Protein backbone atom coordinates (compact mmCIF):
# COMPACT_ATOMS: atom_id res chain seq x y z
CA MET A 1 51.06 -40.60 2.56
CA SER A 2 50.94 -36.90 1.40
CA VAL A 3 47.96 -34.73 1.63
CA LEU A 4 47.81 -34.71 -2.20
CA ALA A 5 47.06 -38.49 -2.27
CA GLY A 6 44.14 -38.07 0.22
CA LEU A 7 42.62 -35.60 -1.99
CA VAL A 8 42.99 -37.67 -5.22
CA SER A 9 41.13 -40.59 -3.65
CA ALA A 10 38.12 -38.92 -2.59
CA PRO A 11 34.93 -39.27 -4.36
CA PHE A 12 34.08 -36.55 -6.88
CA ARG A 13 31.13 -34.33 -5.89
CA PRO A 14 30.20 -31.42 -8.14
CA LEU A 15 29.64 -28.03 -6.37
CA PRO A 16 26.28 -26.82 -5.63
CA GLN A 17 24.87 -24.57 -8.42
CA ALA A 18 23.19 -21.20 -7.50
CA ALA A 19 19.93 -20.70 -8.75
CA PRO A 20 19.42 -18.78 -12.06
CA ARG A 21 18.54 -15.15 -11.43
CA PRO A 22 15.01 -14.16 -12.35
CA VAL A 23 14.60 -11.97 -15.20
CA TYR A 24 12.43 -8.78 -14.93
CA LEU A 25 11.01 -6.95 -17.75
CA ASP A 26 12.80 -3.63 -16.78
CA ASP A 27 16.18 -5.35 -16.78
CA VAL A 28 18.25 -3.39 -19.61
CA PRO A 29 21.95 -3.86 -20.46
CA GLU A 30 24.62 -1.55 -18.64
CA ARG A 31 25.10 0.44 -21.59
CA TRP A 32 21.61 1.20 -22.04
CA ARG A 33 20.87 2.66 -18.61
CA PRO A 34 21.00 6.43 -17.97
CA GLN A 35 24.00 8.03 -16.53
CA ARG A 36 22.31 9.04 -13.13
CA PRO A 37 19.67 6.77 -11.66
CA THR A 38 15.97 7.71 -12.48
CA PRO A 39 14.35 9.09 -9.47
CA VAL A 40 11.39 6.88 -8.17
CA HIS A 41 8.60 9.34 -9.32
CA GLU A 42 9.77 9.47 -12.74
CA ARG A 43 10.09 5.79 -13.53
CA PRO A 44 7.44 4.72 -15.98
CA HIS A 45 6.54 1.25 -14.65
CA GLY A 46 7.29 -0.58 -11.07
CA GLN A 47 7.35 -3.96 -12.96
CA ARG A 48 9.29 -5.61 -10.44
CA LEU A 49 7.01 -4.58 -7.80
CA MET A 50 4.18 -5.58 -9.63
CA ALA A 51 5.63 -9.00 -10.30
CA ARG A 52 6.40 -9.29 -6.73
CA LEU A 53 2.98 -8.30 -5.33
CA LEU A 54 1.11 -10.49 -7.75
CA THR A 55 3.11 -13.33 -6.88
CA ALA A 56 2.83 -12.84 -3.19
CA VAL A 57 -1.01 -12.63 -3.63
CA ALA A 58 -1.40 -15.70 -5.70
CA ALA A 59 0.57 -17.50 -3.17
CA GLU A 60 -1.27 -15.97 -0.15
CA HIS A 61 -4.59 -17.32 -1.89
CA GLY A 62 -3.18 -20.72 -3.52
CA VAL A 63 -3.81 -19.67 -7.11
CA THR A 64 -1.38 -19.39 -10.08
CA LEU A 65 -0.49 -16.26 -11.82
CA ASP A 66 -2.42 -17.35 -14.77
CA GLU A 67 -5.54 -18.03 -12.66
CA LEU A 68 -5.24 -14.50 -11.13
CA VAL A 69 -5.27 -12.62 -14.27
CA GLY A 70 -7.73 -15.21 -16.17
CA HIS A 71 -11.32 -14.74 -16.90
CA ARG A 72 -12.79 -17.44 -14.60
CA ARG A 73 -15.05 -15.94 -11.97
CA HIS A 74 -14.82 -18.46 -9.11
CA ALA A 75 -15.17 -16.78 -5.82
CA SER A 76 -11.77 -17.59 -4.39
CA LEU A 77 -10.36 -16.07 -7.79
CA VAL A 78 -12.21 -12.99 -7.57
CA ARG A 79 -11.22 -12.39 -3.78
CA ALA A 80 -7.59 -12.91 -4.87
CA ARG A 81 -8.16 -10.48 -7.83
CA ASP A 82 -9.63 -8.06 -5.39
CA HIS A 83 -6.71 -8.26 -3.32
CA ALA A 84 -4.20 -7.86 -6.25
CA ALA A 85 -5.99 -4.85 -7.59
CA ALA A 86 -6.23 -3.03 -4.39
CA LEU A 87 -2.56 -3.67 -3.49
CA LEU A 88 -1.26 -2.63 -7.07
CA ARG A 89 -3.56 0.57 -6.87
CA TRP A 90 -1.94 1.58 -3.28
CA SER A 91 1.46 0.54 -3.96
CA THR A 92 1.82 2.07 -7.70
CA SER A 93 1.15 5.08 -9.53
CA LEU A 94 -0.86 3.20 -12.30
CA SER A 95 -4.22 4.22 -13.36
CA TYR A 96 -7.33 2.40 -13.29
CA PRO A 97 -7.01 1.49 -16.98
CA GLU A 98 -3.29 0.49 -16.68
CA LEU A 99 -4.25 -1.85 -13.72
CA GLY A 100 -6.95 -3.43 -15.82
CA ARG A 101 -4.50 -4.04 -18.66
CA VAL A 102 -1.99 -5.67 -15.76
CA LEU A 103 -4.94 -7.71 -14.48
CA GLY A 104 -6.00 -9.67 -17.75
CA GLY A 105 -7.19 -6.81 -20.10
CA ARG A 106 -10.19 -5.74 -17.56
CA ASP A 107 -12.07 -2.56 -18.11
CA HIS A 108 -11.41 0.27 -15.74
CA THR A 109 -14.70 0.28 -14.08
CA SER A 110 -14.06 -3.53 -13.32
CA VAL A 111 -10.85 -2.61 -11.24
CA ILE A 112 -12.45 0.48 -9.33
CA GLU A 113 -15.35 -1.84 -8.38
CA SER A 114 -12.69 -4.65 -7.27
CA VAL A 115 -10.85 -1.97 -5.15
CA ARG A 116 -14.04 -0.98 -3.39
CA ARG A 117 -15.20 -4.41 -2.76
CA HIS A 118 -11.58 -5.23 -1.14
CA GLU A 119 -11.96 -2.01 1.09
CA ARG A 120 -15.64 -2.98 2.00
CA ALA A 121 -14.21 -6.41 2.93
CA ILE A 122 -11.57 -4.91 5.18
CA ASN A 123 -13.64 -2.63 6.88
CA GLY A 124 -16.00 -5.45 7.58
CA GLU A 125 -18.77 -4.21 5.67
CA LYS A 126 -21.46 -6.48 4.25
CA PRO A 127 -20.95 -7.18 0.70
CA THR A 128 -23.26 -5.70 -1.79
CA GLY A 129 -24.31 -7.22 -5.07
CA LYS A 130 -27.04 -9.48 -6.37
CA GLY A 131 -28.73 -12.01 -4.32
């Protein structure tokens, strides 16, 4: 019996397929890219970083991305949103109005208060507010 005969009689199993590569908003075709890499401080948006941070925060708090940037005001969603706003503020060079647009069209003052609320929670201070 030849080696080839043993291969032919083996059952066919398809090869495992690799997971599809995620598509990011700042992916551009190769021909459109600049000849030299753009320095980090000149990049207009850190869309990959924002997507990764928002995904990580949503997973950590057990919410979906739609809930994270949505308009519901449940306490667990507000805490997750505060966390996301603070991480985005500390990790990117986005302004407060830009962060508000990323977080579902919020006003810049909402984002400022969200970051402050998160900082107070980190420092163990008593929450301020109504009630």
